[in-house]
Amino acid sequence: MSTTTKRGVARPASAKASPARPRRGLRGSSTFNFWLFTSPFLIGLTVFVYVPIGWSLWLSFFEARFTVTPSKFVGFDNYWQMLQDSKFTGSLVTFTVFAAFIVPTTWALSLGLALMVNRLRFMKAFFRSVFFLPTACSYVAAALIWKMSIFSGVRFGLMNTILGWFGVENIAWLANPDPPWYWLVIVTLRLWLQAGFYMILFLAALQNIPPELYEAAAIDGAKPGWQTFRYITLPQLRATSTAVILLLVIAAYQAFDEFYNLLAKTTWGRPPLVELYNTALGESQDYGAGSAGAVILTLLILIVTLAQGKFLGFGRGDDK
């Protein structure tokens, strides 16, 4: 085909651009792209998480001293040995009490910080960053600061200096189990490290609450403050609160870094992971018993987590 210009000269008509055909093959496939981006993470997760968990479960049924290669099948003897170990069972009981205290305390502090930051009209980003910043600090570095600077047993420690202003004698915070002042050191350290992270979770949930709910409550006569918090804010935070509590329970039983650095040379206040560390990597080098203890600790965390989720209604709809 051709077209005629104003001067009568014919010129060929421009061909219509053909529509681009979809790319075929693996490179144009969404499945290929999915596995391309996720396979490195899946490989790392399998090699460094799933394989060690499976191997630990396998070792727990064998006698494996000074080697990670099982030599003799012993059944549940390793489990029975760990359950008869008073240090290990005592640490489980101690940290059940520790979890019962630290979980609601961290939950209340995180929620309080989130409510306070959410009500700010200026410098909200600044205070959000300030409270979240301790989360980036290493547990080991924070434990050494708490041990050597803030709660040092000598009179140059910050807490002893402050108490000295009121005539209180120096306190050996970590050197004496009676009274157990070391729990104050550990609890304040853990609150400082964890509260900022869970504050961010609560803050995100608070910002997702529709403001129409508060307007309707004000029309119905609800007073701002405790009434709106109890009947509107807290129910809207139920899903986030449940997730935070479950994460706190798991973190409480898996505490290791701060306890090891604060109480490494003592015989009290040791968490279950320290006892497992001493069993598997100490003088006995009993990997079978250590693996059995790890399985027992995992089952305990699973039971407590499921009980918490059942009690708090994790996964239930809002209409139930």
Protein backbone atom coordinates (compact mmCIF):
# COMPACT_ATOMS: atom_id res chain seq x y z
CA MET A 1 0.00 0.00 0.00
CA SER A 2 1.06 3.58 -0.57
CA THR A 3 -0.15 7.06 0.24
CA THR A 4 0.04 10.27 -1.84
CA THR A 5 1.52 13.48 -0.51
CA LYS A 6 0.31 16.98 -1.33
CA ARG A 7 2.80 17.18 -4.23
CA GLY A 8 1.51 13.94 -5.72
CA VAL A 9 4.51 11.86 -4.85
CA ALA A 10 3.63 8.41 -3.64
CA ARG A 11 5.28 7.08 -0.54
CA PRO A 12 4.89 3.72 1.19
CA ALA A 13 2.49 3.56 4.10
CA SER A 14 4.04 2.97 7.50
CA ALA A 15 3.50 -0.53 8.77
CA LYS A 16 1.66 -0.96 12.05
CA ALA A 17 3.82 -2.06 14.94
CA SER A 18 3.07 -5.64 15.78
CA PRO A 19 2.17 -6.27 19.42
CA ALA A 20 5.03 -7.59 21.55
CA ARG A 21 4.74 -11.27 22.11
CA PRO A 22 5.06 -12.49 25.68
CA ARG A 23 8.38 -13.98 26.59
CA ARG A 24 8.35 -17.70 26.80
CA GLY A 25 10.64 -20.08 28.55
CA LEU A 26 12.06 -20.22 32.03
CA ARG A 27 13.34 -16.62 32.10
CA GLY A 28 9.90 -15.22 31.51
CA SER A 29 8.28 -17.53 34.01
CA SER A 30 7.22 -16.27 37.42
CA THR A 31 8.10 -19.66 38.86
CA PHE A 32 11.69 -19.29 37.67
CA ASN A 33 11.94 -15.81 39.18
CA PHE A 34 10.53 -17.07 42.47
CA TRP A 35 13.08 -19.86 42.81
CA LEU A 36 15.87 -17.59 41.55
CA PHE A 37 15.39 -15.14 44.42
CA THR A 38 14.38 -17.55 47.18
CA SER A 39 16.73 -20.45 46.55
CA PRO A 40 19.77 -18.82 48.29
CA PHE A 41 17.72 -18.23 51.44
CA LEU A 42 16.17 -21.69 51.30
CA ILE A 43 19.59 -23.29 50.88
CA GLY A 44 21.00 -21.34 53.81
CA LEU A 45 17.93 -22.13 55.94
CA THR A 46 18.23 -25.82 55.12
CA VAL A 47 21.98 -26.08 55.68
CA PHE A 48 22.24 -23.97 58.83
CA VAL A 49 18.84 -24.58 60.49
CA TYR A 50 16.93 -27.65 59.34
CA VAL A 51 19.89 -30.00 58.96
CA PRO A 52 21.34 -29.16 62.44
CA ILE A 53 17.88 -29.56 64.01
CA GLY A 54 17.41 -32.95 62.36
CA TRP A 55 20.91 -34.07 63.27
CA SER A 56 20.44 -32.94 66.88
CA LEU A 57 17.21 -34.94 67.10
CA TRP A 58 19.02 -37.97 65.66
CA LEU A 59 21.95 -37.61 68.08
CA SER A 60 19.62 -37.45 71.08
CA PHE A 61 18.89 -41.18 70.71
CA PHE A 62 22.53 -42.24 70.49
CA GLU A 63 25.63 -42.22 72.64
CA ALA A 64 27.90 -39.57 71.17
CA ARG A 65 30.76 -38.52 73.42
CA PHE A 66 33.62 -36.45 72.01
CA THR A 67 32.15 -36.91 68.52
CA VAL A 68 29.10 -35.85 66.55
CA THR A 69 28.94 -39.26 64.91
CA PRO A 70 26.48 -41.56 66.72
CA SER A 71 28.07 -44.78 67.94
CA LYS A 72 25.47 -46.68 69.99
CA PHE A 73 21.69 -46.47 70.11
CA VAL A 74 20.53 -45.75 73.66
CA GLY A 75 16.89 -44.83 73.12
CA PHE A 76 15.57 -42.36 75.68
CA ASP A 77 18.50 -42.75 78.09
CA ASN A 78 19.86 -39.30 77.19
CA TYR A 79 16.49 -37.73 77.91
CA TRP A 80 16.28 -39.52 81.25
CA GLN A 81 19.82 -38.39 82.08
CA MET A 82 18.97 -34.74 81.41
CA LEU A 83 15.71 -34.92 83.35
CA GLN A 84 17.64 -36.31 86.33
CA ASP A 85 20.20 -33.50 86.14
CA SER A 86 19.19 -31.11 88.92
CA LYS A 87 21.06 -28.20 87.32
CA PHE A 88 19.19 -28.53 84.03
CA THR A 89 15.74 -29.08 85.55
CA GLY A 90 16.37 -26.30 88.06
CA SER A 91 17.25 -23.92 85.24
CA LEU A 92 14.00 -24.84 83.45
CA VAL A 93 11.98 -24.02 86.57
CA THR A 94 13.93 -20.82 87.20
CA PHE A 95 13.43 -19.58 83.68
CA THR A 96 9.76 -20.45 83.70
CA VAL A 97 9.47 -18.02 86.62
CA PHE A 98 11.73 -15.57 84.78
CA ALA A 99 9.50 -15.75 81.69
CA ALA A 100 6.39 -15.25 83.84
CA PHE A 101 7.91 -11.98 85.09
CA ILE A 102 9.81 -10.58 82.11
CA VAL A 103 7.10 -11.20 79.52
CA PRO A 104 4.31 -9.05 81.05
CA THR A 105 6.84 -6.43 82.15
CA THR A 106 8.28 -6.02 78.65
CA TRP A 107 4.78 -6.08 77.15
CA ALA A 108 3.57 -3.29 79.44
CA LEU A 109 6.70 -1.15 78.94
CA SER A 110 6.62 -1.56 75.14
CA LEU A 111 2.93 -0.72 74.97
CA GLY A 112 3.40 2.29 77.24
CA LEU A 113 6.23 3.64 75.08
CA ALA A 114 4.17 3.11 71.93
CA LEU A 115 1.19 4.98 73.40
CA MET A 116 3.42 7.83 74.49
CA VAL A 117 5.20 8.16 71.13
CA ASN A 118 1.93 7.84 69.20
CA ARG A 119 0.44 10.83 71.07
CA LEU A 120 3.37 13.11 70.28
CA ARG A 121 2.67 15.92 67.84
CA PHE A 122 6.29 16.79 67.11
CA MET A 123 9.66 14.98 67.15
CA LYS A 124 7.85 11.65 66.87
CA ALA A 125 10.51 10.21 64.56
CA PHE A 126 13.26 11.32 66.96
CA PHE A 127 11.80 9.57 70.00
CA ARG A 128 10.90 6.52 67.96
CA SER A 129 14.53 6.24 66.87
CA VAL A 130 15.84 6.86 70.40
CA PHE A 131 13.76 4.06 71.92
CA PHE A 132 14.49 1.67 69.04
CA LEU A 133 18.26 2.34 68.97
CA PRO A 134 19.17 -0.09 71.82
CA THR A 135 17.82 -2.92 69.68
CA ALA A 136 20.84 -2.53 67.40
CA CYS A 137 23.24 -2.96 70.32
CA SER A 138 24.96 -6.30 70.80
CA TYR A 139 23.82 -8.33 73.80
CA VAL A 140 27.45 -9.04 74.66
CA ALA A 141 28.46 -5.36 74.55
CA ALA A 142 25.40 -4.32 76.55
CA ALA A 143 26.06 -7.02 79.16
CA LEU A 144 29.65 -5.81 79.61
CA ILE A 145 28.46 -2.20 79.99
CA TRP A 146 25.92 -3.24 82.62
CA LYS A 147 28.49 -5.38 84.43
CA MET A 148 31.51 -3.09 84.38
CA SER A 149 30.00 0.41 84.40
CA ILE A 150 26.42 0.57 85.67
CA PHE A 151 26.18 -2.33 88.13
CA SER A 152 29.82 -2.71 89.03
CA GLY A 153 30.33 -4.00 92.55
CA VAL A 154 32.90 -1.34 93.43
CA ARG A 155 32.05 2.17 94.59
CA PHE A 156 32.86 3.61 91.15
CA GLY A 157 29.88 1.87 89.55
CA LEU A 158 27.03 4.15 88.52
CA MET A 159 24.37 2.53 90.71
CA ASN A 160 26.63 2.32 93.76
CA THR A 161 27.60 5.96 93.24
CA ILE A 162 23.95 7.02 93.20
CA LEU A 163 23.14 4.89 96.25
CA GLY A 164 26.18 6.31 98.02
CA TRP A 165 24.62 9.78 97.81
CA PHE A 166 21.87 8.47 100.11
CA GLY A 167 24.23 6.74 102.50
CA VAL A 168 23.73 3.20 101.16
CA GLU A 169 26.79 0.96 101.21
CA ASN A 170 28.17 -0.67 98.08
CA ILE A 171 26.21 -3.64 96.75
CA ALA A 172 27.84 -6.63 95.09
CA TRP A 173 25.26 -6.92 92.34
CA LEU A 174 26.62 -10.05 90.63
CA ALA A 175 28.87 -11.63 93.24
CA ASN A 176 26.31 -12.74 95.83
CA PRO A 177 23.14 -14.78 95.25
CA ASP A 178 21.62 -13.77 98.59
CA PRO A 179 19.88 -11.43 98.07
CA PRO A 180 19.59 -12.11 94.32
CA TRP A 181 20.43 -8.63 93.08
CA TYR A 182 21.69 -10.15 89.82
CA TRP A 183 18.09 -10.47 88.64
CA LEU A 184 17.77 -6.68 88.75
CA VAL A 185 20.82 -6.39 86.50
CA ILE A 186 19.50 -8.96 84.02
CA VAL A 187 15.93 -7.66 83.93
CA THR A 188 16.93 -4.02 83.38
CA LEU A 189 19.37 -5.06 80.67
CA ARG A 190 16.77 -7.15 78.84
CA LEU A 191 14.14 -4.43 79.11
CA TRP A 192 16.54 -1.87 77.67
CA LEU A 193 17.44 -4.15 74.76
CA GLN A 194 13.99 -5.47 73.86
CA ALA A 195 11.40 -2.80 74.66
CA GLY A 196 12.20 -0.65 71.61
CA PHE A 197 11.62 -3.44 69.11
CA TYR A 198 8.21 -4.39 70.46
CA MET A 199 7.35 -0.70 70.79
CA ILE A 200 7.65 -0.44 67.00
CA LEU A 201 5.22 -3.35 66.58
CA PHE A 202 2.68 -1.73 68.89
CA LEU A 203 3.19 1.65 67.25
CA ALA A 204 2.41 0.19 63.82
CA ALA A 205 -0.73 -1.43 65.21
CA LEU A 206 -1.84 1.80 66.88
CA GLN A 207 -1.50 3.72 63.64
CA ASN A 208 -3.77 1.18 61.91
CA ILE A 209 -6.69 1.73 64.30
CA PRO A 210 -9.42 3.66 62.43
CA PRO A 211 -9.96 7.11 64.00
CA GLU A 212 -13.68 6.70 63.38
CA LEU A 213 -13.81 4.31 66.33
CA TYR A 214 -12.64 7.02 68.72
CA GLU A 215 -15.04 9.55 67.18
CA ALA A 216 -17.96 7.16 67.61
CA ALA A 217 -16.90 6.46 71.19
CA ALA A 218 -16.77 10.18 71.95
CA ILE A 219 -20.29 10.61 70.55
CA ASP A 220 -21.50 7.75 72.75
CA GLY A 221 -20.06 9.48 75.80
CA ALA A 222 -16.84 7.53 76.33
CA LYS A 223 -14.27 9.54 78.23
CA PRO A 224 -10.78 9.86 76.71
CA GLY A 225 -8.16 7.99 78.64
CA TRP A 226 -8.82 4.73 80.42
CA GLN A 227 -12.25 4.05 78.90
CA THR A 228 -11.15 4.47 75.30
CA PHE A 229 -7.97 2.49 75.99
CA ARG A 230 -9.85 -0.39 77.60
CA TYR A 231 -12.76 -0.69 75.21
CA ILE A 232 -11.21 0.45 71.91
CA THR A 233 -7.40 0.53 71.86
CA LEU A 234 -6.67 -2.67 73.77
CA PRO A 235 -9.17 -4.88 71.83
CA GLN A 236 -7.78 -3.55 68.55
CA LEU A 237 -4.28 -4.58 69.69
CA ARG A 238 -5.23 -8.15 70.54
CA ALA A 239 -3.53 -9.76 67.54
CA THR A 240 -0.35 -7.71 67.99
CA SER A 241 -0.32 -8.35 71.75
CA THR A 242 -0.61 -12.08 71.20
CA ALA A 243 2.27 -12.11 68.71
CA VAL A 244 4.43 -9.99 71.03
CA ILE A 245 3.79 -12.25 74.01
CA LEU A 246 4.63 -15.37 72.02
CA LEU A 247 7.88 -13.82 70.81
CA LEU A 248 8.77 -12.74 74.34
CA VAL A 249 8.15 -16.23 75.74
CA ILE A 250 10.42 -17.81 73.14
CA ALA A 251 13.11 -15.16 73.70
CA ALA A 252 12.97 -15.64 77.49
CA TYR A 253 13.74 -19.37 77.28
CA GLN A 254 16.44 -18.81 74.66
CA ALA A 255 18.34 -16.23 76.71
CA PHE A 256 22.04 -16.92 76.64
CA ASP A 257 24.38 -14.02 75.78
CA GLU A 258 23.70 -11.68 78.69
CA PHE A 259 23.54 -14.52 81.24
CA TYR A 260 26.76 -16.07 80.03
CA ASN A 261 28.63 -12.75 80.12
CA LEU A 262 27.18 -11.61 83.44
CA LEU A 263 27.18 -14.91 85.36
CA ALA A 264 29.79 -17.00 83.56
CA LYS A 265 31.85 -17.66 86.71
CA THR A 266 28.92 -18.25 89.05
CA THR A 267 26.75 -21.28 89.75
CA TRP A 268 23.37 -19.54 90.08
CA GLY A 269 20.95 -18.02 87.63
CA ARG A 270 22.18 -20.11 84.71
CA PRO A 271 19.72 -20.41 81.82
CA PRO A 272 18.97 -23.78 80.17
CA LEU A 273 21.13 -22.92 77.16
CA VAL A 274 24.17 -22.46 79.41
CA GLU A 275 23.59 -25.89 80.96
CA LEU A 276 23.28 -27.39 77.47
CA TYR A 277 26.46 -25.57 76.47
CA ASN A 278 28.32 -27.02 79.45
CA THR A 279 26.99 -30.52 78.75
CA ALA A 280 27.70 -30.62 75.03
CA LEU A 281 30.78 -28.41 74.82
CA GLY A 282 32.20 -28.69 78.35
CA GLU A 283 34.55 -31.28 79.77
CA SER A 284 32.14 -34.17 79.22
CA GLN A 285 31.61 -33.42 75.50
CA ASP A 286 28.36 -35.39 75.61
CA TYR A 287 26.64 -34.38 72.39
CA GLY A 288 23.92 -36.99 72.80
CA ALA A 289 22.78 -35.70 76.18
CA GLY A 290 23.15 -32.11 75.04
CA SER A 291 20.96 -32.80 72.02
CA ALA A 292 18.36 -34.46 74.24
CA GLY A 293 18.32 -31.42 76.49
CA ALA A 294 17.85 -29.17 73.46
CA VAL A 295 14.85 -31.26 72.37
CA ILE A 296 13.37 -31.05 75.89
CA LEU A 297 13.80 -27.27 75.90
CA THR A 298 12.21 -27.03 72.45
CA LEU A 299 9.22 -29.09 73.57
CA LEU A 300 8.81 -26.92 76.67
CA ILE A 301 8.86 -23.75 74.56
CA LEU A 302 6.34 -25.32 72.19
CA ILE A 303 3.99 -26.31 75.02
CA VAL A 304 4.17 -22.89 76.69
CA THR A 305 3.71 -21.14 73.33
CA LEU A 306 0.67 -23.22 72.40
CA ALA A 307 -0.83 -22.68 75.85
CA GLN A 308 -0.29 -18.92 75.56
CA GLY A 309 -1.80 -18.89 72.08
CA LYS A 310 -4.82 -20.89 73.22
CA PHE A 311 -5.37 -18.66 76.24
CA LEU A 312 -4.95 -15.43 74.27
CA GLY A 313 -7.00 -16.64 71.31
CA PHE A 314 -4.24 -16.52 68.69
CA GLY A 315 -5.73 -17.08 65.24
CA ARG A 316 -9.34 -16.48 66.21
CA GLY A 317 -11.42 -14.04 64.26
CA ASP A 318 -12.45 -10.69 65.63
CA ASP A 319 -16.04 -11.80 65.86
CA LYS A 320 -15.30 -14.58 68.32
